[in-house]
C-alpha atoms as a PDB file:
ATOM      1  CA  MET A   1     188.439  99.155  70.296  1.00  0.00           C
ATOM      2  CA  LYS A   2     186.446 100.709  67.458  1.00  0.00           C
ATOM      3  CA  LYS A   3     184.896 103.183  69.891  1.00  0.00           C
ATOM      4  CA  PHE A   4     188.381 104.196  71.067  1.00  0.00           C
ATOM      5  CA  PHE A   5     189.489 104.996  67.509  1.00  0.00           C
ATOM      6  CA  ILE A   6     186.365 107.058  66.852  1.00  0.00           C
ATOM      7  CA  ILE A   7     186.904 109.098  70.020  1.00  0.00           C
ATOM      8  CA  PHE A   8     190.604 109.476  69.221  1.00  0.00           C
ATOM      9  CA  PHE A   9     189.777 110.669  65.697  1.00  0.00           C
ATOM     10  CA  ILE A  10     187.283 113.245  66.987  1.00  0.00           C
ATOM     11  CA  PHE A  11     189.842 114.678  69.415  1.00  0.00           C
ATOM     12  CA  LEU A  12     192.475 114.664  66.693  1.00  0.00           C
ATOM     13  CA  VAL A  13     190.246 116.642  64.317  1.00  0.00           C
ATOM     14  CA  ILE A  14     189.337 119.157  67.014  1.00  0.00           C
ATOM     15  CA  GLY A  15     192.990 119.525  68.037  1.00  0.00           C
ATOM     16  CA  VAL A  16     194.161 120.074  64.463  1.00  0.00           C
ATOM     17  CA  GLY A  17     191.317 122.527  63.899  1.00  0.00           C
ATOM     18  CA  LEU A  18     192.284 124.557  66.942  1.00  0.00           C
ATOM     19  CA  PHE A  19     195.958 124.470  65.970  1.00  0.00           C
ATOM     20  CA  PHE A  20     195.339 125.748  62.447  1.00  0.00           C
ATOM     21  CA  GLY A  21     192.835 128.414  63.480  1.00  0.00           C
ATOM     22  CA  VAL A  22     189.671 126.753  62.213  1.00  0.00           C
ATOM     23  CA  TYR A  23     187.858 127.708  65.401  1.00  0.00           C
ATOM     24  CA  GLU A  24     187.463 131.198  66.805  1.00  0.00           C
ATOM     25  CA  THR A  25     186.223 131.586  70.369  1.00  0.00           C
ATOM     26  CA  GLY A  26     185.350 134.503  72.583  1.00  0.00           C
ATOM     27  CA  GLU A  27     183.133 135.937  75.284  1.00  0.00           C
ATOM     28  CA  LEU A  28     179.806 137.662  74.757  1.00  0.00           C
ATOM     29  CA  GLY A  29     178.821 138.009  78.414  1.00  0.00           C
ATOM     30  CA  ASP A  30     179.881 137.108  81.925  1.00  0.00           C
ATOM     31  CA  ASN A  31     178.767 133.514  81.340  1.00  0.00           C
ATOM     32  CA  VAL A  32     178.135 133.511  77.566  1.00  0.00           C
ATOM     33  CA  THR A  33     180.719 132.378  75.014  1.00  0.00           C
ATOM     34  CA  TYR A  34     180.845 131.643  71.303  1.00  0.00           C
ATOM     35  CA  THR A  35     182.686 129.209  69.072  1.00  0.00           C
ATOM     36  CA  LEU A  36     182.834 129.948  65.343  1.00  0.00           C
ATOM     37  CA  ASN A  37     183.837 127.223  62.904  1.00  0.00           C
ATOM     38  CA  ARG A  38     185.462 129.104  60.024  1.00  0.00           C
ATOM     39  CA  ILE A  39     185.044 126.182  57.647  1.00  0.00           C
ATOM     40  CA  THR A  40     181.310 125.627  58.074  1.00  0.00           C
ATOM     41  CA  GLY A  41     180.479 129.220  59.015  1.00  0.00           C
ATOM     42  CA  LYS A  42     178.459 128.037  62.002  1.00  0.00           C
ATOM     43  CA  VAL A  43     178.646 129.918  65.290  1.00  0.00           C
ATOM     44  CA  VAL A  44     177.425 128.308  68.510  1.00  0.00           C
ATOM     45  CA  ILE A  45     176.567 130.663  71.348  1.00  0.00           C
ATOM     46  CA  SER A  46     176.291 128.956  74.714  1.00  0.00           C
ATOM     47  CA  GLY A  47     176.268 129.573  78.431  1.00  0.00           C
ATOM     48  CA  THR A  48     173.810 131.061  80.873  1.00  0.00           C
ATOM     49  CA  GLY A  49     172.446 134.531  81.372  1.00  0.00           C
ATOM     50  CA  GLU A  50     172.613 137.691  79.333  1.00  0.00           C
ATOM     51  CA  MET A  51     174.988 138.917  76.670  1.00  0.00           C
ATOM     52  CA  TRP A  52     176.634 142.266  77.118  1.00  0.00           C
ATOM     53  CA  ASP A  53     174.727 144.975  75.202  1.00  0.00           C
ATOM     54  CA  GLU A  54     177.961 146.094  73.598  1.00  0.00           C
ATOM     55  CA  SER A  55     179.743 142.791  73.160  1.00  0.00           C
ATOM     56  CA  GLY A  56     182.416 144.200  70.877  1.00  0.00           C
ATOM     57  CA  GLU A  57     180.425 143.149  67.836  1.00  0.00           C
ATOM     58  CA  PRO A  58     182.761 140.215  67.104  1.00  0.00           C
ATOM     59  CA  PHE A  59     180.922 139.241  63.928  1.00  0.00           C
ATOM     60  CA  ASP A  60     180.935 142.602  62.090  1.00  0.00           C
ATOM     61  CA  ASP A  61     181.849 141.994  58.446  1.00  0.00           C
ATOM     62  CA  ASN A  62     182.658 138.369  59.250  1.00  0.00           C
ATOM     63  CA  ILE A  63     182.967 136.586  55.922  1.00  0.00           C
ATOM     64  CA  PHE A  64     182.926 133.170  57.612  1.00  0.00           C
ATOM     65  CA  LEU A  65     179.541 133.489  59.362  1.00  0.00           C
ATOM     66  CA  LYS A  66     176.682 131.596  57.677  1.00  0.00           C
ATOM     67  CA  SER A  67     174.498 130.250  60.484  1.00  0.00           C
ATOM     68  CA  ALA A  68     174.010 130.601  64.226  1.00  0.00           C
ATOM     69  CA  VAL A  69     172.843 128.324  67.018  1.00  0.00           C
ATOM     70  CA  ILE A  70     171.921 129.940  70.325  1.00  0.00           C
ATOM     71  CA  GLU A  71     171.738 127.279  72.977  1.00  0.00           C
ATOM     72  CA  GLN A  72     169.241 127.119  75.797  1.00  0.00           C
ATOM     73  CA  GLY A  73     170.366 129.157  78.783  1.00  0.00           C
ATOM     74  CA  VAL A  74     171.279 132.326  76.875  1.00  0.00           C
ATOM     75  CA  THR A  75     168.556 134.789  77.865  1.00  0.00           C
ATOM     76  CA  ASN A  76     169.066 137.638  75.376  1.00  0.00           C
ATOM     77  CA  ILE A  77     170.872 138.591  72.181  1.00  0.00           C
ATOM     78  CA  ALA A  78     172.897 141.799  71.882  1.00  0.00           C
ATOM     79  CA  PRO A  79     171.044 144.181  69.520  1.00  0.00           C
ATOM     80  CA  LYS A  80     173.858 144.528  66.976  1.00  0.00           C
ATOM     81  CA  LEU A  81     175.412 141.078  67.312  1.00  0.00           C
ATOM     82  CA  PHE A  82     174.828 139.940  63.730  1.00  0.00           C
ATOM     83  CA  ARG A  83     175.025 143.373  62.091  1.00  0.00           C
ATOM     84  CA  MET A  84     176.416 143.233  58.553  1.00  0.00           C
ATOM     85  CA  THR A  85     176.608 139.422  58.440  1.00  0.00           C
ATOM     86  CA  GLY A  86     173.542 138.393  56.466  1.00  0.00           C
ATOM     87  CA  ILE A  87     172.045 136.613  59.482  1.00  0.00           C
ATOM     88  CA  THR A  88     168.733 138.109  60.575  1.00  0.00           C
END
């Protein structure tokens, strides 16, 4: 029963976060996506294959971005992806 409540709470937090715009998501390639948590400033880039060279620069001047995790399977990073964010 305790496990059920923990799982329920996790889904509740994620659902509320999505409803109130805590998370921003988008595409960076044919099979590469990102999820940005605006509260923690952490972006997770996941999927397989390459990013588009010109991926729309979704993080330009992004005041929320503080850290990035690029998961295994992503084979390259767009050259200007973190331009003007403080992430190098």
